[in-house]
Structures are given as structure tokens and as C-alpha cells.
Amino acid sequence: MALTPAEEARLQAVELAVTQMQVLIRGMGSKNQLNRLRVLCGNNINKLTDKVTDLEAIAQELLDLARKLQ
């Protein structure tokens, strides 16, 4: 029994999706690696938050000085 072109296209799409899922699963890493990555990202977020807070304080000081100059 031959496949119709539409069935063949669907079969190829499914095969491609399965292949892509296999690549994703292999590249995920272990639970330990993912937890380490989460901790590193959390640390970086905290550092960036601190820097933004410092910049906001400096910006507020500049605005206060600009208001005094007016």
C-alpha cells in the first residue's frame, strides 16, 4: 500500500519532531547541572538587581540636584 503525498508529508513531519525531541532531551543535562545553572542565574539576577538599585539611587540624586538648580 502506497502512501499519499499528504500522508508522506505528515510522516516526515512526525519523524522530524521526534528527532528534534531526542536532541533536546540529550542536551538537557542532569538535574544537578540544571540546579547549578538555576543557582548561577539567580546569583546573576541578584547582582544585576543590586546594580540597578545603585543606579536608581544615583539617578534620584541627580534629579534632586537638577531640581535645586531650577
PDB file of N, CA and C in Angstrom:
ATOM      1  N   MET A   1       0.848  -1.174   0.000  1.00  0.00           N
ATOM      2  CA  MET A   1       0.000   0.000   0.000  1.00  0.00           C
ATOM      3  C   MET A   1       0.893   1.235   0.000  1.00  0.00           C
ATOM      4  N   ALA A   2       0.662   2.106  -0.930  1.00  0.00           N
ATOM      5  CA  ALA A   2       1.473   3.316  -1.071  1.00  0.00           C
ATOM      6  C   ALA A   2       0.880   4.443  -0.243  1.00  0.00           C
ATOM      7  N   LEU A   3       1.767   5.301   0.200  1.00  0.00           N
ATOM      8  CA  LEU A   3       1.322   6.466   0.967  1.00  0.00           C
ATOM      9  C   LEU A   3       0.981   7.601   0.010  1.00  0.00           C
ATOM     10  N   THR A   4      -0.031   8.358   0.388  1.00  0.00           N
ATOM     11  CA  THR A   4      -0.353   9.544  -0.400  1.00  0.00           C
ATOM     12  C   THR A   4       0.682  10.616  -0.078  1.00  0.00           C
ATOM     13  N   PRO A   5       0.820  11.615  -0.925  1.00  0.00           N
ATOM     14  CA  PRO A   5       1.779  12.695  -0.619  1.00  0.00           C
ATOM     15  C   PRO A   5       1.502  13.383   0.712  1.00  0.00           C
ATOM     16  N   ALA A   6       0.238  13.557   1.056  1.00  0.00           N
ATOM     17  CA  ALA A   6      -0.103  14.202   2.330  1.00  0.00           C
ATOM     18  C   ALA A   6       0.320  13.327   3.508  1.00  0.00           C
ATOM     19  N   GLU A   7       0.076  12.012   3.402  1.00  0.00           N
ATOM     20  CA  GLU A   7       0.481  11.096   4.473  1.00  0.00           C
ATOM     21  C   GLU A   7       1.998  11.052   4.608  1.00  0.00           C
ATOM     22  N   GLU A   8       2.678  11.067   3.472  1.00  0.00           N
ATOM     23  CA  GLU A   8       4.132  11.058   3.495  1.00  0.00           C
ATOM     24  C   GLU A   8       4.681  12.323   4.140  1.00  0.00           C
ATOM     25  N   ALA A   9       4.070  13.464   3.842  1.00  0.00           N
ATOM     26  CA  ALA A   9       4.498  14.732   4.442  1.00  0.00           C
ATOM     27  C   ALA A   9       4.267  14.718   5.944  1.00  0.00           C
ATOM     28  N   ARG A  10       3.125  14.190   6.370  1.00  0.00           N
ATOM     29  CA  ARG A  10       2.842  14.110   7.814  1.00  0.00           C
ATOM     30  C   ARG A  10       3.823  13.174   8.506  1.00  0.00           C
ATOM     31  N   LEU A  11       4.131  12.059   7.880  1.00  0.00           N
ATOM     32  CA  LEU A  11       5.080  11.110   8.449  1.00  0.00           C
ATOM     33  C   LEU A  11       6.466  11.744   8.580  1.00  0.00           C
ATOM     34  N   GLN A  12       6.884  12.482   7.583  1.00  0.00           N
ATOM     35  CA  GLN A  12       8.172  13.158   7.644  1.00  0.00           C
ATOM     36  C   GLN A  12       8.172  14.221   8.744  1.00  0.00           C
ATOM     37  N   ALA A  13       7.053  14.933   8.916  1.00  0.00           N
ATOM     38  CA  ALA A  13       6.960  15.938   9.976  1.00  0.00           C
ATOM     39  C   ALA A  13       7.065  15.290  11.351  1.00  0.00           C
ATOM     40  N   VAL A  14       6.421  14.134  11.518  1.00  0.00           N
ATOM     41  CA  VAL A  14       6.484  13.419  12.798  1.00  0.00           C
ATOM     42  C   VAL A  14       7.908  12.930  13.052  1.00  0.00           C
ATOM     43  N   GLU A  15       8.561  12.397  12.035  1.00  0.00           N
ATOM     44  CA  GLU A  15       9.936  11.926  12.195  1.00  0.00           C
ATOM     45  C   GLU A  15      10.864  13.078  12.576  1.00  0.00           C
ATOM     46  N   LEU A  16      10.666  14.215  11.954  1.00  0.00           N
ATOM     47  CA  LEU A  16      11.479  15.384  12.282  1.00  0.00           C
ATOM     48  C   LEU A  16      11.239  15.831  13.721  1.00  0.00           C
ATOM     49  N   ALA A  17       9.971  15.836  14.142  1.00  0.00           N
ATOM     50  CA  ALA A  17       9.642  16.237  15.516  1.00  0.00           C
ATOM     51  C   ALA A  17      10.276  15.281  16.520  1.00  0.00           C
ATOM     52  N   VAL A  18      10.243  13.991  16.233  1.00  0.00           N
ATOM     53  CA  VAL A  18      10.843  13.003  17.136  1.00  0.00           C
ATOM     54  C   VAL A  18      12.351  13.221  17.220  1.00  0.00           C
ATOM     55  N   THR A  19      12.980  13.457  16.097  1.00  0.00           N
ATOM     56  CA  THR A  19      14.424  13.705  16.077  1.00  0.00           C
ATOM     57  C   THR A  19      14.771  14.943  16.887  1.00  0.00           C
ATOM     58  N   GLN A  20      13.987  15.995  16.719  1.00  0.00           N
ATOM     59  CA  GLN A  20      14.241  17.231  17.468  1.00  0.00           C
ATOM     60  C   GLN A  20      14.052  17.010  18.961  1.00  0.00           C
ATOM     61  N   MET A  21      13.049  16.241  19.349  1.00  0.00           N
ATOM     62  CA  MET A  21      12.823  15.949  20.770  1.00  0.00           C
ATOM     63  C   MET A  21      13.996  15.151  21.345  1.00  0.00           C
ATOM     64  N   GLN A  22      14.527  14.206  20.574  1.00  0.00           N
ATOM     65  CA  GLN A  22      15.667  13.422  21.042  1.00  0.00           C
ATOM     66  C   GLN A  22      16.880  14.318  21.281  1.00  0.00           C
ATOM     67  N   VAL A  23      17.107  15.259  20.380  1.00  0.00           N
ATOM     68  CA  VAL A  23      18.227  16.189  20.535  1.00  0.00           C
ATOM     69  C   VAL A  23      18.031  17.042  21.781  1.00  0.00           C
ATOM     70  N   LEU A  24      16.817  17.527  21.996  1.00  0.00           N
ATOM     71  CA  LEU A  24      16.540  18.347  23.183  1.00  0.00           C
ATOM     72  C   LEU A  24      16.740  17.558  24.468  1.00  0.00           C
ATOM     73  N   ILE A  25      16.257  16.334  24.485  1.00  0.00           N
ATOM     74  CA  ILE A  25      16.373  15.506  25.691  1.00  0.00           C
ATOM     75  C   ILE A  25      17.843  15.208  25.990  1.00  0.00           C
ATOM     76  N   ARG A  26      18.625  14.904  24.965  1.00  0.00           N
ATOM     77  CA  ARG A  26      20.054  14.627  25.176  1.00  0.00           C
ATOM     78  C   ARG A  26      20.795  15.868  25.668  1.00  0.00           C
ATOM     79  N   GLY A  27      20.375  17.042  25.230  1.00  0.00           N
ATOM     80  CA  GLY A  27      21.071  18.269  25.578  1.00  0.00           C
ATOM     81  C   GLY A  27      20.620  18.900  26.883  1.00  0.00           C
ATOM     82  N   MET A  28      19.623  18.327  27.535  1.00  0.00           N
ATOM     83  CA  MET A  28      19.087  18.943  28.751  1.00  0.00           C
ATOM     84  C   MET A  28      20.073  18.938  29.900  1.00  0.00           C
ATOM     85  N   GLY A  29      20.820  17.902  30.050  1.00  0.00           N
ATOM     86  CA  GLY A  29      21.741  17.808  31.176  1.00  0.00           C
ATOM     87  C   GLY A  29      21.065  17.144  32.362  1.00  0.00           C
ATOM     88  N   SER A  30      21.840  16.887  33.373  1.00  0.00           N
ATOM     89  CA  SER A  30      21.320  16.213  34.557  1.00  0.00           C
ATOM     90  C   SER A  30      20.575  17.208  35.445  1.00  0.00           C
ATOM     91  N   LYS A  31      19.839  16.667  36.381  1.00  0.00           N
ATOM     92  CA  LYS A  31      19.109  17.504  37.331  1.00  0.00           C
ATOM     93  C   LYS A  31      20.082  18.369  38.122  1.00  0.00           C
ATOM     94  N   ASN A  32      21.231  17.804  38.483  1.00  0.00           N
ATOM     95  CA  ASN A  32      22.246  18.538  39.224  1.00  0.00           C
ATOM     96  C   ASN A  32      22.776  19.712  38.403  1.00  0.00           C
ATOM     97  N   GLN A  33      23.041  19.469  37.108  1.00  0.00           N
ATOM     98  CA  GLN A  33      23.528  20.536  36.240  1.00  0.00           C
ATOM     99  C   GLN A  33      22.492  21.651  36.105  1.00  0.00           C
ATOM    100  N   LEU A  34      21.240  21.258  35.954  1.00  0.00           N
ATOM    101  CA  LEU A  34      20.186  22.264  35.820  1.00  0.00           C
ATOM    102  C   LEU A  34      20.028  23.073  37.103  1.00  0.00           C
ATOM    103  N   ASN A  35      20.161  22.418  38.255  1.00  0.00           N
ATOM    104  CA  ASN A  35      20.081  23.142  39.523  1.00  0.00           C
ATOM    105  C   ASN A  35      21.241  24.121  39.674  1.00  0.00           C
ATOM    106  N   ARG A  36      22.432  23.699  39.266  1.00  0.00           N
ATOM    107  CA  ARG A  36      23.589  24.603  39.322  1.00  0.00           C
ATOM    108  C   ARG A  36      23.371  25.814  38.419  1.00  0.00           C
ATOM    109  N   LEU A  37      22.853  25.558  37.236  1.00  0.00           N
ATOM    110  CA  LEU A  37      22.572  26.642  36.307  1.00  0.00           C
ATOM    111  C   LEU A  37      21.537  27.596  36.893  1.00  0.00           C
ATOM    112  N   ARG A  38      20.517  27.055  37.547  1.00  0.00           N
ATOM    113  CA  ARG A  38      19.489  27.893  38.172  1.00  0.00           C
ATOM    114  C   ARG A  38      20.092  28.765  39.266  1.00  0.00           C
ATOM    115  N   VAL A  39      20.980  28.191  40.070  1.00  0.00           N
ATOM    116  CA  VAL A  39      21.629  28.955  41.141  1.00  0.00           C
ATOM    117  C   VAL A  39      22.499  30.058  40.551  1.00  0.00           C
ATOM    118  N   LEU A  40      23.262  29.737  39.509  1.00  0.00           N
ATOM    119  CA  LEU A  40      24.106  30.753  38.871  1.00  0.00           C
ATOM    120  C   LEU A  40      23.267  31.889  38.292  1.00  0.00           C
ATOM    121  N   CYS A  41      22.184  31.523  37.647  1.00  0.00           N
ATOM    122  CA  CYS A  41      21.302  32.560  37.089  1.00  0.00           C
ATOM    123  C   CYS A  41      20.698  33.409  38.200  1.00  0.00           C
ATOM    124  N   GLY A  42      20.309  32.777  39.285  1.00  0.00           N
ATOM    125  CA  GLY A  42      19.762  33.518  40.421  1.00  0.00           C
ATOM    126  C   GLY A  42      20.785  34.486  40.995  1.00  0.00           C
ATOM    127  N   ASN A  43      22.034  34.036  41.106  1.00  0.00           N
ATOM    128  CA  ASN A  43      23.097  34.907  41.607  1.00  0.00           C
ATOM    129  C   ASN A  43      23.301  36.101  40.689  1.00  0.00           C
ATOM    130  N   ASN A  44      23.312  35.841  39.379  1.00  0.00           N
ATOM    131  CA  ASN A  44      23.483  36.937  38.420  1.00  0.00           C
ATOM    132  C   ASN A  44      22.323  37.917  38.476  1.00  0.00           C
ATOM    133  N   ILE A  45      21.127  37.411  38.647  1.00  0.00           N
ATOM    134  CA  ILE A  45      19.957  38.283  38.769  1.00  0.00           C
ATOM    135  C   ILE A  45      20.080  39.162  40.007  1.00  0.00           C
ATOM    136  N   ASN A  46      20.537  38.571  41.108  1.00  0.00           N
ATOM    137  CA  ASN A  46      20.710  39.352  42.339  1.00  0.00           C
ATOM    138  C   ASN A  46      21.755  40.451  42.164  1.00  0.00           C
ATOM    139  N   LYS A  47      22.863  40.117  41.497  1.00  0.00           N
ATOM    140  CA  LYS A  47      23.908  41.123  41.260  1.00  0.00           C
ATOM    141  C   LYS A  47      23.374  42.254  40.390  1.00  0.00           C
ATOM    142  N   LEU A  48      22.652  41.892  39.340  1.00  0.00           N
ATOM    143  CA  LEU A  48      22.090  42.919  38.454  1.00  0.00           C
ATOM    144  C   LEU A  48      21.065  43.784  39.185  1.00  0.00           C
ATOM    145  N   THR A  49      20.277  43.164  40.051  1.00  0.00           N
ATOM    146  CA  THR A  49      19.294  43.921  40.832  1.00  0.00           C
ATOM    147  C   THR A  49      19.989  44.930  41.736  1.00  0.00           C
ATOM    148  N   ASP A  50      21.078  44.510  42.371  1.00  0.00           N
ATOM    149  CA  ASP A  50      21.837  45.421  43.222  1.00  0.00           C
ATOM    150  C   ASP A  50      22.393  46.593  42.420  1.00  0.00           C
ATOM    151  N   LYS A  51      22.917  46.304  41.227  1.00  0.00           N
ATOM    152  CA  LYS A  51      23.457  47.377  40.387  1.00  0.00           C
ATOM    153  C   LYS A  51      22.364  48.349  39.958  1.00  0.00           C
ATOM    154  N   VAL A  52      21.195  47.814  39.619  1.00  0.00           N
ATOM    155  CA  VAL A  52      20.085  48.683  39.213  1.00  0.00           C
ATOM    156  C   VAL A  52      19.647  49.549  40.386  1.00  0.00           C
ATOM    157  N   THR A  53      19.616  48.975  41.567  1.00  0.00           N
ATOM    158  CA  THR A  53      19.246  49.740  42.757  1.00  0.00           C
ATOM    159  C   THR A  53      20.221  50.887  42.977  1.00  0.00           C
ATOM    160  N   ASP A  54      21.516  50.606  42.823  1.00  0.00           N
ATOM    161  CA  ASP A  54      22.536  51.652  42.961  1.00  0.00           C
ATOM    162  C   ASP A  54      22.343  52.744  41.903  1.00  0.00           C
ATOM    163  N   LEU A  55      22.079  52.329  40.674  1.00  0.00           N
ATOM    164  CA  LEU A  55      21.872  53.301  39.600  1.00  0.00           C
ATOM    165  C   LEU A  55      20.624  54.150  39.837  1.00  0.00           C
ATOM    166  N   GLU A  56      19.587  53.533  40.383  1.00  0.00           N
ATOM    167  CA  GLU A  56      18.372  54.295  40.695  1.00  0.00           C
ATOM    168  C   GLU A  56      18.651  55.345  41.761  1.00  0.00           C
ATOM    169  N   ALA A  57      19.471  54.998  42.752  1.00  0.00           N
ATOM    170  CA  ALA A  57      19.819  55.949  43.802  1.00  0.00           C
ATOM    171  C   ALA A  57      20.613  57.112  43.227  1.00  0.00           C
ATOM    172  N   ILE A  58      21.547  56.809  42.328  1.00  0.00           N
ATOM    173  CA  ILE A  58      22.340  57.873  41.691  1.00  0.00           C
ATOM    174  C   ILE A  58      21.442  58.758  40.828  1.00  0.00           C
ATOM    175  N   ALA A  59      20.538  58.132  40.086  1.00  0.00           N
ATOM    176  CA  ALA A  59      19.618  58.908  39.240  1.00  0.00           C
ATOM    177  C   ALA A  59      18.745  59.816  40.090  1.00  0.00           C
ATOM    178  N   GLN A  60      18.302  59.329  41.245  1.00  0.00           N
ATOM    179  CA  GLN A  60      17.474  60.139  42.127  1.00  0.00           C
ATOM    180  C   GLN A  60      18.260  61.338  42.660  1.00  0.00           C
ATOM    181  N   GLU A  61      19.527  61.106  43.010  1.00  0.00           N
ATOM    182  CA  GLU A  61      20.376  62.205  43.469  1.00  0.00           C
ATOM    183  C   GLU A  61      20.536  63.261  42.371  1.00  0.00           C
ATOM    184  N   LEU A  62      20.756  62.811  41.153  1.00  0.00           N
ATOM    185  CA  LEU A  62      20.898  63.741  40.030  1.00  0.00           C
ATOM    186  C   LEU A  62      19.614  64.534  39.798  1.00  0.00           C
ATOM    187  N   LEU A  63      18.481  63.865  39.918  1.00  0.00           N
ATOM    188  CA  LEU A  63      17.211  64.579  39.758  1.00  0.00           C
ATOM    189  C   LEU A  63      17.018  65.617  40.850  1.00  0.00           C
ATOM    190  N   ASP A  64      17.386  65.259  42.071  1.00  0.00           N
ATOM    191  CA  ASP A  64      17.274  66.216  43.177  1.00  0.00           C
ATOM    192  C   ASP A  64      18.165  67.430  42.939  1.00  0.00           C
ATOM    193  N   LEU A  65      19.391  67.181  42.476  1.00  0.00           N
ATOM    194  CA  LEU A  65      20.298  68.302  42.179  1.00  0.00           C
ATOM    195  C   LEU A  65      19.775  69.153  41.034  1.00  0.00           C
ATOM    196  N   ALA A  66      19.206  68.522  40.024  1.00  0.00           N
ATOM    197  CA  ALA A  66      18.655  69.261  38.893  1.00  0.00           C
ATOM    198  C   ALA A  66      17.486  70.124  39.340  1.00  0.00           C
ATOM    199  N   ARG A  67      16.658  69.628  40.231  1.00  0.00           N
ATOM    200  CA  ARG A  67      15.527  70.415  40.752  1.00  0.00           C
ATOM    201  C   ARG A  67      16.023  71.623  41.537  1.00  0.00           C
ATOM    202  N   LYS A  68      17.111  71.430  42.295  1.00  0.00           N
ATOM    203  CA  LYS A  68      17.660  72.542  43.086  1.00  0.00           C
ATOM    204  C   LYS A  68      18.219  73.629  42.181  1.00  0.00           C
ATOM    205  N   LEU A  69      18.773  73.207  41.017  1.00  0.00           N
ATOM    206  CA  LEU A  69      19.335  74.180  40.090  1.00  0.00           C
ATOM    207  C   LEU A  69      18.250  75.021  39.416  1.00  0.00           C
ATOM    208  N   GLN A  70      17.065  74.490  39.292  1.00  0.00           N
ATOM    209  CA  GLN A  70      15.984  75.230  38.642  1.00  0.00           C
ATOM    210  C   GLN A  70      15.539  76.314  39.578  1.00  0.00           C
TER     211      GLN A  70
END
